[in-house]
Amino acid sequence: MHVTREILLELDRDEAWEALADLRGWLCAGADLELAEGERGWLWLHDGEERDVEVEEVVPGERLVLWWRAAGDDLMTRVCLTLDEEDGGTRVRVVESAPVYAVSTTRIGDHPVLRYGPASCALPSLAARIATFA
């Protein structure tokens, strides 16, 4: 299962990476995380939710891959952000996915629910942050 979102930023790839790598500028209100492979840390989202994070891969200007879960949750989802140059800017694509065997501790009634969204829903915030660079 996965959710994919994308946005075209009117920036070259290096500028887009700079904005993307500043997680507090668009994804979260606070961060205790170094963007280096194998690093672990925490993000505090704008709605107050805490995320336990592990960095899987960092390729500056091209790709950032994180695994994260809400504090107290057993389900980790993989967040893959990629940057591709296009005419007019850089396309940023985020794919948030969970293993098909995973079950979240979040429930609606008696039914487990996979929760997605914080990374992909934050792309408009990234676009707004970019506007401040102009």
C-alpha atoms as a PDB file:
ATOM      1  CA  MET A   1       0.000   0.000   0.000  1.00  0.00           C
ATOM      2  CA  HIS A   2       1.275   3.459  -0.814  1.00  0.00           C
ATOM      3  CA  VAL A   3       0.333   7.095  -1.288  1.00  0.00           C
ATOM      4  CA  THR A   4       2.094   9.228  -3.916  1.00  0.00           C
ATOM      5  CA  ARG A   5       2.062  13.008  -4.254  1.00  0.00           C
ATOM      6  CA  GLU A   6       4.180  15.341  -6.351  1.00  0.00           C
ATOM      7  CA  ILE A   7       4.727  19.017  -6.970  1.00  0.00           C
ATOM      8  CA  LEU A   8       6.715  21.013  -9.529  1.00  0.00           C
ATOM      9  CA  LEU A   9       8.911  23.652  -7.894  1.00  0.00           C
ATOM     10  CA  GLU A  10      10.222  26.561  -9.954  1.00  0.00           C
ATOM     11  CA  LEU A  11      13.756  25.952  -8.685  1.00  0.00           C
ATOM     12  CA  ASP A  12      16.803  24.130  -9.961  1.00  0.00           C
ATOM     13  CA  ARG A  13      17.581  20.796  -8.323  1.00  0.00           C
ATOM     14  CA  ASP A  14      20.171  22.186  -5.868  1.00  0.00           C
ATOM     15  CA  GLU A  15      17.792  24.890  -4.628  1.00  0.00           C
ATOM     16  CA  ALA A  16      14.963  22.373  -4.326  1.00  0.00           C
ATOM     17  CA  TRP A  17      17.212  20.026  -2.327  1.00  0.00           C
ATOM     18  CA  GLU A  18      18.208  22.856   0.009  1.00  0.00           C
ATOM     19  CA  ALA A  19      14.551  23.574   0.713  1.00  0.00           C
ATOM     20  CA  LEU A  20      13.649  19.896   1.048  1.00  0.00           C
ATOM     21  CA  ALA A  21      16.514  19.147   3.436  1.00  0.00           C
ATOM     22  CA  ASP A  22      15.268  21.887   5.777  1.00  0.00           C
ATOM     23  CA  LEU A  23      12.545  19.672   7.250  1.00  0.00           C
ATOM     24  CA  ARG A  24      11.518  22.331   9.766  1.00  0.00           C
ATOM     25  CA  GLY A  25      10.809  24.657   6.873  1.00  0.00           C
ATOM     26  CA  TRP A  26       7.972  22.509   5.500  1.00  0.00           C
ATOM     27  CA  LEU A  27       7.377  19.133   7.153  1.00  0.00           C
ATOM     28  CA  CYS A  28       7.634  19.650  10.885  1.00  0.00           C
ATOM     29  CA  ALA A  29       7.708  22.221  13.647  1.00  0.00           C
ATOM     30  CA  GLY A  30      10.806  20.733  15.262  1.00  0.00           C
ATOM     31  CA  ALA A  31      13.469  18.171  14.504  1.00  0.00           C
ATOM     32  CA  ASP A  32      16.190  16.284  16.312  1.00  0.00           C
ATOM     33  CA  LEU A  33      17.551  14.440  13.309  1.00  0.00           C
ATOM     34  CA  GLU A  34      20.686  14.538  11.199  1.00  0.00           C
ATOM     35  CA  LEU A  35      20.063  13.744   7.537  1.00  0.00           C
ATOM     36  CA  ALA A  36      22.708  11.046   7.216  1.00  0.00           C
ATOM     37  CA  GLU A  37      22.230   7.374   6.429  1.00  0.00           C
ATOM     38  CA  GLY A  38      21.602   5.256   9.520  1.00  0.00           C
ATOM     39  CA  GLU A  39      20.806   8.226  11.775  1.00  0.00           C
ATOM     40  CA  ARG A  40      17.822   8.045  14.132  1.00  0.00           C
ATOM     41  CA  GLY A  41      15.919  10.897  15.673  1.00  0.00           C
ATOM     42  CA  TRP A  42      12.588  12.603  16.173  1.00  0.00           C
ATOM     43  CA  LEU A  43      10.339  14.988  14.281  1.00  0.00           C
ATOM     44  CA  TRP A  44       7.552  16.995  15.870  1.00  0.00           C
ATOM     45  CA  LEU A  45       4.846  17.633  13.285  1.00  0.00           C
ATOM     46  CA  HIS A  46       2.844  20.859  13.146  1.00  0.00           C
ATOM     47  CA  ASP A  47      -0.181  19.139  14.697  1.00  0.00           C
ATOM     48  CA  GLY A  48       1.909  18.116  17.720  1.00  0.00           C
ATOM     49  CA  GLU A  49       2.373  14.481  16.699  1.00  0.00           C
ATOM     50  CA  GLU A  50       5.828  13.023  17.363  1.00  0.00           C
ATOM     51  CA  ARG A  51       7.537  10.797  14.795  1.00  0.00           C
ATOM     52  CA  ASP A  52      10.360   8.345  15.497  1.00  0.00           C
ATOM     53  CA  VAL A  53      12.549   8.495  12.359  1.00  0.00           C
ATOM     54  CA  GLU A  54      15.389   6.495  10.828  1.00  0.00           C
ATOM     55  CA  VAL A  55      17.238   7.745   7.743  1.00  0.00           C
ATOM     56  CA  GLU A  56      17.701   4.993   5.149  1.00  0.00           C
ATOM     57  CA  GLU A  57      19.276   6.894   2.258  1.00  0.00           C
ATOM     58  CA  VAL A  58      20.499  10.393   1.422  1.00  0.00           C
ATOM     59  CA  VAL A  59      21.622  11.311  -2.090  1.00  0.00           C
ATOM     60  CA  PRO A  60      21.913  15.124  -2.065  1.00  0.00           C
ATOM     61  CA  GLY A  61      19.985  16.718  -4.888  1.00  0.00           C
ATOM     62  CA  GLU A  62      18.284  13.442  -5.815  1.00  0.00           C
ATOM     63  CA  ARG A  63      16.726  11.358  -3.050  1.00  0.00           C
ATOM     64  CA  LEU A  64      15.875  11.169   0.653  1.00  0.00           C
ATOM     65  CA  VAL A  65      14.422   8.013   2.205  1.00  0.00           C
ATOM     66  CA  LEU A  66      13.125   7.856   5.782  1.00  0.00           C
ATOM     67  CA  TRP A  67      11.326   5.273   7.866  1.00  0.00           C
ATOM     68  CA  TRP A  68       9.028   6.729  10.503  1.00  0.00           C
ATOM     69  CA  ARG A  69       6.262   5.955  12.938  1.00  0.00           C
ATOM     70  CA  ALA A  70       4.099   7.854  15.337  1.00  0.00           C
ATOM     71  CA  ALA A  71       5.261   7.716  18.949  1.00  0.00           C
ATOM     72  CA  GLY A  72       3.853   4.563  20.535  1.00  0.00           C
ATOM     73  CA  ASP A  73       2.857   3.029  17.188  1.00  0.00           C
ATOM     74  CA  ASP A  74       4.258  -0.253  15.894  1.00  0.00           C
ATOM     75  CA  LEU A  75       3.732   0.559  12.208  1.00  0.00           C
ATOM     76  CA  MET A  76       6.687   2.118  10.397  1.00  0.00           C
ATOM     77  CA  THR A  77       6.100   3.617   6.986  1.00  0.00           C
ATOM     78  CA  ARG A  78       8.740   4.364   4.382  1.00  0.00           C
ATOM     79  CA  VAL A  79       8.851   7.912   3.023  1.00  0.00           C
ATOM     80  CA  CYS A  80      10.790   8.296  -0.239  1.00  0.00           C
ATOM     81  CA  LEU A  81      11.322  11.803  -1.624  1.00  0.00           C
ATOM     82  CA  THR A  82      12.853  12.135  -5.096  1.00  0.00           C
ATOM     83  CA  LEU A  83      13.825  15.168  -7.151  1.00  0.00           C
ATOM     84  CA  ASP A  84      13.808  15.185 -10.957  1.00  0.00           C
ATOM     85  CA  GLU A  85      14.725  18.145 -13.150  1.00  0.00           C
ATOM     86  CA  GLU A  86      12.126  19.169 -15.721  1.00  0.00           C
ATOM     87  CA  ASP A  87      11.542  22.155 -17.937  1.00  0.00           C
ATOM     88  CA  GLY A  88      10.531  24.933 -15.591  1.00  0.00           C
ATOM     89  CA  GLY A  89      11.953  23.482 -12.386  1.00  0.00           C
ATOM     90  CA  THR A  90      12.281  20.397 -10.251  1.00  0.00           C
ATOM     91  CA  ARG A  91       9.572  17.815  -9.655  1.00  0.00           C
ATOM     92  CA  VAL A  92       9.468  16.603  -6.042  1.00  0.00           C
ATOM     93  CA  ARG A  93       7.701  13.280  -5.583  1.00  0.00           C
ATOM     94  CA  VAL A  94       6.926  11.725  -2.215  1.00  0.00           C
ATOM     95  CA  VAL A  95       5.838   8.119  -1.869  1.00  0.00           C
ATOM     96  CA  GLU A  96       4.785   6.949   1.588  1.00  0.00           C
ATOM     97  CA  SER A  97       4.339   3.205   1.841  1.00  0.00           C
ATOM     98  CA  ALA A  98       3.852   0.444   4.364  1.00  0.00           C
ATOM     99  CA  PRO A  99       4.587  -3.247   4.047  1.00  0.00           C
ATOM    100  CA  VAL A 100       1.418  -5.144   3.170  1.00  0.00           C
ATOM    101  CA  TYR A 101       1.839  -7.348   6.225  1.00  0.00           C
ATOM    102  CA  ALA A 102       1.979  -4.383   8.603  1.00  0.00           C
ATOM    103  CA  VAL A 103      -0.949  -3.516  10.841  1.00  0.00           C
ATOM    104  CA  SER A 104      -1.191  -0.181  12.589  1.00  0.00           C
ATOM    105  CA  THR A 105      -2.178   0.059  16.233  1.00  0.00           C
ATOM    106  CA  THR A 106      -4.636   2.757  15.179  1.00  0.00           C
ATOM    107  CA  ARG A 107      -8.197   1.413  15.121  1.00  0.00           C
ATOM    108  CA  ILE A 108     -11.647   2.511  14.079  1.00  0.00           C
ATOM    109  CA  GLY A 109     -13.915   0.298  16.126  1.00  0.00           C
ATOM    110  CA  ASP A 110     -12.507  -3.215  15.804  1.00  0.00           C
ATOM    111  CA  HIS A 111     -10.709  -2.511  12.516  1.00  0.00           C
ATOM    112  CA  PRO A 112      -6.978  -1.701  12.253  1.00  0.00           C
ATOM    113  CA  VAL A 113      -6.257   1.300  10.055  1.00  0.00           C
ATOM    114  CA  LEU A 114      -3.079   2.104   8.127  1.00  0.00           C
ATOM    115  CA  ARG A 115      -2.328   5.777   8.598  1.00  0.00           C
ATOM    116  CA  TYR A 116      -0.723   7.772   5.814  1.00  0.00           C
ATOM    117  CA  GLY A 117      -0.380  11.356   4.957  1.00  0.00           C
ATOM    118  CA  PRO A 118       1.916  13.669   6.926  1.00  0.00           C
ATOM    119  CA  ALA A 119       4.753  13.630   4.390  1.00  0.00           C
ATOM    120  CA  SER A 120       2.643  13.731   1.250  1.00  0.00           C
ATOM    121  CA  CYS A 121       0.207  16.259   2.692  1.00  0.00           C
ATOM    122  CA  ALA A 122       3.084  18.597   3.570  1.00  0.00           C
ATOM    123  CA  LEU A 123       4.098  19.232  -0.060  1.00  0.00           C
ATOM    124  CA  PRO A 124       2.013  22.430  -0.252  1.00  0.00           C
ATOM    125  CA  SER A 125       4.008  23.673   2.745  1.00  0.00           C
ATOM    126  CA  LEU A 126       7.196  23.001   0.797  1.00  0.00           C
ATOM    127  CA  ALA A 127       5.814  25.034  -2.105  1.00  0.00           C
ATOM    128  CA  ALA A 128       4.917  27.891   0.251  1.00  0.00           C
ATOM    129  CA  ARG A 129       8.411  27.765   1.746  1.00  0.00           C
ATOM    130  CA  ILE A 130       9.881  27.984  -1.760  1.00  0.00           C
ATOM    131  CA  ALA A 131       7.895  31.153  -2.392  1.00  0.00           C
ATOM    132  CA  THR A 132       9.836  32.831   0.430  1.00  0.00           C
ATOM    133  CA  PHE A 133      13.125  32.185  -1.431  1.00  0.00           C
ATOM    134  CA  ALA A 134      12.107  34.327  -4.392  1.00  0.00           C
END
